[in-house]
Protein backbone atom coordinates (compact mmCIF):
# COMPACT_ATOMS: atom_id res chain seq x y z
CA MET A 1 21.79 -127.10 153.34
CA GLY A 2 24.24 -124.43 154.38
CA ARG A 3 21.50 -121.75 154.40
CA MET A 4 19.45 -123.60 156.96
CA GLY A 5 22.00 -125.34 159.15
CA LEU A 6 21.22 -128.90 160.18
CA CYS A 7 18.14 -128.32 162.31
CA ASP A 8 16.32 -130.29 159.61
CA ARG A 9 18.63 -133.30 160.02
CA GLN A 10 18.03 -134.20 163.65
CA ARG A 11 17.83 -137.95 163.01
CA GLU A 12 21.16 -137.98 161.19
CA CYS A 13 22.85 -135.68 163.71
CA ASP A 14 21.66 -137.86 166.58
CA ALA A 15 23.24 -140.90 164.93
CA LEU A 16 26.55 -139.06 164.57
CA ASP A 17 26.39 -137.81 168.16
CA ARG A 18 25.99 -141.38 169.40
CA LEU A 19 29.13 -142.41 167.54
CA PHE A 20 31.18 -139.60 169.02
CA GLY A 21 29.84 -140.29 172.48
CA ALA A 22 31.09 -143.86 172.14
CA VAL A 23 34.51 -142.90 170.76
CA HIS A 24 35.24 -140.73 173.79
CA GLN A 25 34.54 -143.78 175.93
CA GLY A 26 37.19 -145.77 174.08
CA ARG A 27 34.92 -147.54 171.62
CA SER A 28 34.88 -147.41 167.82
CA GLY A 29 32.07 -147.03 165.31
CA VAL A 30 31.32 -147.14 161.59
CA LEU A 31 28.50 -145.54 159.63
CA VAL A 32 27.85 -145.70 155.89
CA LEU A 33 25.82 -142.75 154.58
CA ARG A 34 23.92 -143.55 151.39
CA GLY A 35 21.94 -141.11 149.27
CA GLU A 36 21.57 -139.55 145.83
CA ALA A 37 23.67 -136.66 144.55
CA GLY A 38 22.90 -133.37 146.30
CA ILE A 39 20.95 -134.96 149.15
CA GLY A 40 23.24 -133.57 151.87
CA LYS A 41 25.85 -136.25 152.60
CA THR A 42 28.75 -133.79 152.39
CA ALA A 43 26.99 -131.34 154.71
CA LEU A 44 26.62 -134.12 157.27
CA LEU A 45 30.27 -135.10 156.93
CA ASP A 46 31.34 -131.49 157.36
CA HIS A 47 29.09 -131.23 160.40
CA ALA A 48 30.75 -134.34 161.84
CA VAL A 49 34.21 -132.85 161.34
CA GLU A 50 33.18 -129.54 162.91
CA THR A 51 31.57 -131.14 165.95
CA ALA A 52 34.10 -133.93 166.55
CA SER A 53 35.70 -132.12 169.49
CA GLY A 54 38.94 -133.64 170.65
CA CYS A 55 39.28 -135.82 167.55
CA ARG A 56 41.96 -135.86 164.92
CA THR A 57 40.51 -136.04 161.39
CA ALA A 58 41.73 -137.96 158.35
CA ARG A 59 39.84 -137.52 155.10
CA ALA A 60 39.77 -139.15 151.67
CA THR A 61 37.60 -138.53 148.62
CA GLY A 62 37.04 -140.98 145.79
CA VAL A 63 38.11 -139.61 142.40
CA GLU A 64 36.92 -141.16 139.14
CA SER A 65 40.29 -140.60 137.45
CA GLU A 66 42.03 -142.70 140.15
CA MET A 67 39.65 -145.66 140.14
CA GLU A 68 42.22 -147.82 138.33
CA LEU A 69 45.05 -146.94 140.74
CA SER A 70 45.25 -149.59 143.44
CA PHE A 71 45.33 -148.26 147.02
CA ALA A 72 45.05 -144.61 145.92
CA GLY A 73 42.14 -144.00 148.29
CA VAL A 74 43.86 -145.68 151.24
CA HIS A 75 46.94 -143.55 150.60
CA GLN A 76 44.77 -140.41 150.73
CA LEU A 77 43.41 -141.44 154.10
CA CYS A 78 46.58 -142.75 155.70
CA GLY A 79 49.35 -140.84 153.93
CA GLN A 80 49.85 -138.49 156.88
CA MET A 81 50.08 -141.37 159.36
CA LEU A 82 53.15 -143.11 158.02
CA HIS A 83 55.32 -141.88 160.89
CA ARG A 84 53.71 -144.72 162.88
CA LEU A 85 54.45 -147.35 160.23
CA ASP A 86 57.38 -148.75 162.23
CA HIS A 87 55.01 -149.55 165.11
CA LEU A 88 53.15 -152.16 163.04
CA PRO A 89 53.90 -155.89 163.10
CA GLY A 90 56.49 -156.79 160.45
CA PRO A 91 54.20 -158.53 157.92
CA GLN A 92 51.63 -155.72 158.13
CA ARG A 93 54.32 -153.06 157.82
CA ASP A 94 55.76 -154.75 154.75
CA ALA A 95 52.32 -155.18 153.14
CA LEU A 96 51.35 -151.53 153.65
CA GLY A 97 54.80 -150.37 152.55
CA ALA A 98 54.46 -152.38 149.33
CA ALA A 99 50.92 -151.05 148.75
CA PHE A 100 52.20 -147.47 149.02
CA GLY A 101 55.33 -148.11 146.95
CA LEU A 102 57.66 -147.57 149.92
CA THR A 103 59.25 -150.99 149.56
CA ALA A 104 59.82 -153.34 146.66
CA GLY A 105 57.87 -156.54 146.36
CA ALA A 106 54.92 -158.30 144.79
CA ALA A 107 51.38 -156.98 145.08
CA PRO A 108 50.49 -157.38 148.76
CA ASP A 109 47.65 -159.49 150.11
CA ARG A 110 44.67 -157.16 150.58
CA LEU A 111 43.57 -158.79 153.82
CA LEU A 112 47.01 -158.11 155.25
CA VAL A 113 46.88 -154.52 154.02
CA GLY A 114 43.44 -154.13 155.62
CA LEU A 115 44.76 -155.40 158.95
CA ALA A 116 47.72 -153.04 158.60
CA VAL A 117 45.37 -150.09 158.08
CA LEU A 118 43.40 -151.18 161.15
CA SER A 119 46.60 -151.33 163.21
CA LEU A 120 47.74 -147.96 161.87
CA LEU A 121 44.42 -146.28 162.73
CA ALA A 122 44.55 -147.80 166.20
CA ALA A 123 48.12 -146.57 166.71
CA ILE A 124 47.16 -143.02 165.71
CA ALA A 125 44.08 -143.14 167.97
CA GLU A 126 46.32 -143.93 170.94
CA GLU A 127 47.47 -140.32 170.71
CA GLN A 128 43.98 -138.83 170.13
CA PRO A 129 40.55 -140.20 169.09
CA LEU A 130 40.42 -140.44 165.31
CA LEU A 131 37.68 -139.55 162.83
CA CYS A 132 38.10 -141.05 159.34
CA VAL A 133 35.89 -139.51 156.65
CA VAL A 134 35.61 -141.17 153.24
CA GLU A 135 33.56 -139.24 150.68
CA ASP A 136 32.36 -140.43 147.26
CA ALA A 137 33.36 -143.99 148.13
CA GLN A 138 31.64 -145.19 144.93
CA TRP A 139 34.67 -143.76 143.06
CA LEU A 140 37.38 -145.36 145.18
CA ASP A 141 39.61 -147.93 143.55
CA GLN A 142 38.54 -151.48 144.30
CA ALA A 143 41.62 -152.26 146.39
CA SER A 144 40.92 -149.29 148.67
CA CYS A 145 37.25 -150.27 149.00
CA GLN A 146 38.21 -153.77 150.05
CA VAL A 147 40.95 -152.66 152.44
CA LEU A 148 38.85 -149.98 154.16
CA ALA A 149 35.91 -152.38 154.49
CA ILE A 150 38.19 -154.99 156.06
CA ALA A 151 39.42 -152.45 158.59
CA ALA A 152 35.92 -151.09 159.24
CA ARG A 153 34.49 -154.52 160.03
CA ARG A 154 37.17 -155.09 162.65
CA LEU A 155 36.98 -151.80 164.50
CA HIS A 156 35.98 -152.38 168.09
CA ALA A 157 37.74 -150.50 170.91
CA GLU A 158 40.30 -148.29 169.19
CA SER A 159 38.62 -144.86 169.63
CA VAL A 160 38.12 -144.61 165.86
CA VAL A 161 35.02 -143.40 164.00
CA MET A 162 34.81 -144.15 160.27
CA LEU A 163 32.19 -142.38 158.14
CA VAL A 164 31.75 -143.52 154.54
CA ALA A 165 29.53 -141.63 152.09
CA ILE A 166 28.26 -143.43 148.98
CA ARG A 167 26.24 -141.88 146.17
CA GLU A 168 23.27 -143.95 145.14
CA PRO A 169 22.36 -145.73 142.95
CA CYS A 170 25.98 -146.98 143.04
CA ALA A 171 26.17 -150.25 144.94
CA ALA A 172 29.71 -150.21 146.44
CA PRO A 173 29.20 -153.84 147.55
CA GLU A 174 32.41 -153.90 149.60
CA PHE A 175 30.69 -151.81 152.29
CA GLU A 176 27.48 -153.84 152.44
CA GLY A 177 26.68 -155.26 155.86
CA LEU A 178 28.17 -152.31 157.74
CA PRO A 179 25.84 -150.03 159.76
CA GLU A 180 24.03 -147.70 157.35
CA LEU A 181 22.29 -144.35 157.55
CA PRO A 182 20.08 -143.59 154.53
CA VAL A 183 20.16 -139.85 153.81
CA GLU A 184 16.83 -138.82 152.36
CA GLY A 185 15.27 -135.58 151.18
CA LEU A 186 14.30 -132.76 153.51
CA PRO A 187 10.92 -132.89 155.21
CA ALA A 188 8.38 -130.83 153.25
CA ARG A 189 8.42 -127.98 155.78
CA TYR A 190 12.16 -127.40 155.43
CA ALA A 191 12.13 -128.05 151.68
CA ARG A 192 9.54 -125.30 151.20
CA GLN A 193 11.66 -122.90 153.29
CA LEU A 194 14.76 -123.69 151.26
CA LEU A 195 12.94 -123.23 147.96
CA ALA A 196 11.53 -119.91 149.16
CA SER A 197 15.08 -118.69 149.89
CA VAL A 198 15.98 -118.88 146.17
CA THR A 199 12.63 -117.74 144.75
CA PRO A 200 12.25 -114.34 146.41
CA GLY A 201 9.37 -113.40 144.11
CA GLY A 202 7.32 -116.17 145.64
CA LEU A 203 5.56 -119.14 144.05
CA ASP A 204 2.01 -120.25 143.85
CA PRO A 205 1.61 -122.78 146.72
CA ARG A 206 0.53 -125.50 144.27
CA VAL A 207 3.63 -124.93 142.13
CA ARG A 208 5.84 -124.84 145.22
CA ASP A 209 4.43 -128.11 146.54
CA ARG A 210 4.78 -129.75 143.15
CA ILE A 211 8.46 -128.79 142.91
CA VAL A 212 9.11 -130.03 146.45
CA ALA A 213 7.45 -133.33 145.57
CA GLU A 214 9.30 -133.73 142.26
CA THR A 215 12.71 -133.06 143.81
CA HIS A 216 11.89 -135.37 146.75
CA GLY A 217 13.27 -132.67 149.04
CA ASN A 218 16.76 -132.86 147.51
CA PRO A 219 18.49 -129.74 148.95
CA LEU A 220 20.87 -129.14 146.05
CA ALA A 221 18.06 -129.55 143.51
CA LEU A 222 15.93 -127.04 145.40
CA LEU A 223 18.82 -124.55 145.44
CA GLU A 224 20.12 -125.03 141.91
CA LEU A 225 17.25 -125.88 139.60
CA PRO A 226 15.34 -122.57 139.96
CA ARG A 227 18.45 -120.61 138.86
CA GLY A 228 17.84 -118.91 135.54
CA VAL A 229 14.28 -120.22 135.30
CA ASP A 230 11.48 -117.65 135.00
CA PRO A 231 8.18 -117.96 136.89
CA VAL A 232 6.34 -119.20 133.80
CA GLU A 233 8.77 -122.11 133.42
CA LEU A 234 8.65 -122.83 137.14
CA ALA A 235 4.91 -123.10 136.94
CA GLY A 236 5.38 -126.30 134.95
CA GLY A 237 7.50 -127.87 137.68
CA PHE A 238 10.63 -129.91 137.09
CA GLY A 239 9.04 -133.24 136.29
CA LEU A 240 7.76 -132.58 132.79
CA PRO A 241 7.69 -135.56 130.39
CA GLY A 242 11.07 -136.31 128.83
CA THR A 243 13.14 -134.41 131.39
CA PRO A 244 16.25 -136.15 132.80
CA PRO A 245 16.43 -137.40 136.41
CA ILE A 246 17.12 -134.84 139.14
CA PRO A 247 20.89 -135.59 139.49
CA HIS A 248 21.34 -134.95 135.74
CA ARG A 249 19.32 -131.74 135.99
CA ILE A 250 21.65 -130.56 138.76
CA GLU A 251 24.71 -131.28 136.61
CA GLU A 252 23.14 -129.41 133.69
CA SER A 253 22.51 -126.43 136.00
CA PHE A 254 26.20 -126.27 136.92
CA VAL A 255 27.21 -126.60 133.26
CA ARG A 256 24.99 -123.64 132.33
CA ARG A 257 26.56 -121.52 135.07
CA VAL A 258 30.09 -122.42 133.94
CA GLU A 259 29.23 -121.60 130.31
CA GLN A 260 28.32 -118.07 131.38
CA LEU A 261 31.79 -117.43 132.82
CA PRO A 262 34.52 -115.58 130.85
CA ALA A 263 36.78 -117.79 128.72
CA ALA A 264 39.81 -117.15 130.95
CA THR A 265 37.86 -118.22 134.03
CA ARG A 266 36.66 -121.41 132.31
CA LEU A 267 40.26 -122.20 131.34
CA LEU A 268 41.37 -121.72 134.95
CA LEU A 269 38.60 -124.06 136.15
CA LEU A 270 39.67 -126.65 133.59
CA ALA A 271 43.28 -126.45 134.74
CA ALA A 272 42.21 -126.78 138.38
CA ALA A 273 40.07 -129.82 137.56
CA ALA A 274 42.95 -131.45 135.66
CA GLU A 275 45.28 -130.82 138.60
């Protein structure tokens, strides 16, 4: 994606532009981006952040290791906003304070926490329009999913845009019913251009078209899967019998690249991942 810009994503960019046009007129908007691994959701989110002129940005990313930690995702998103906590109504302030461990008390009602998050986002947006970006929402803890969905469904005129990216085939049912933008593979023209950028020796047009079809235009697959594969192997395409699905092939590609690194570098990567 990064090699080509987003000229190939006009439909998606237009949808984002409409949201930002509305937010500068005092309205709010929500959009749930759904697509498989490597399809370009992160590139679209980054594009939104870069083009959201005049907006403050808050960002959270779902992490598998924190899926059992209630409200971890909400804390990521709102942790830098707590200076406005005192501006919330008392019950909402107490609920959000309990969710974040700032006050003692029983587990708070999630509806109340969701309303508190809505009020907090609105308070921050009074200072400057606010863009909330939630990536890998399929790995958020359930409490955060519920709370963010509650807030998202009640956004109206707060000058807040919330973008939520979900990797399919994960369901993330908490966000169902919200406006969605399916992120699909690149059109064949752009997919062929991207594949050509990582196969400088060129490919037989039939092989090229077969690979584009088998990857369904997945940008990361087109960039990663040809790495370390010789022309004879490429001639067979990626969809040979018994091969794993494309997302698994992408993961295997990254694993092979990591295995080629020096031991000290791999140890550093492991420590960074653990951190």
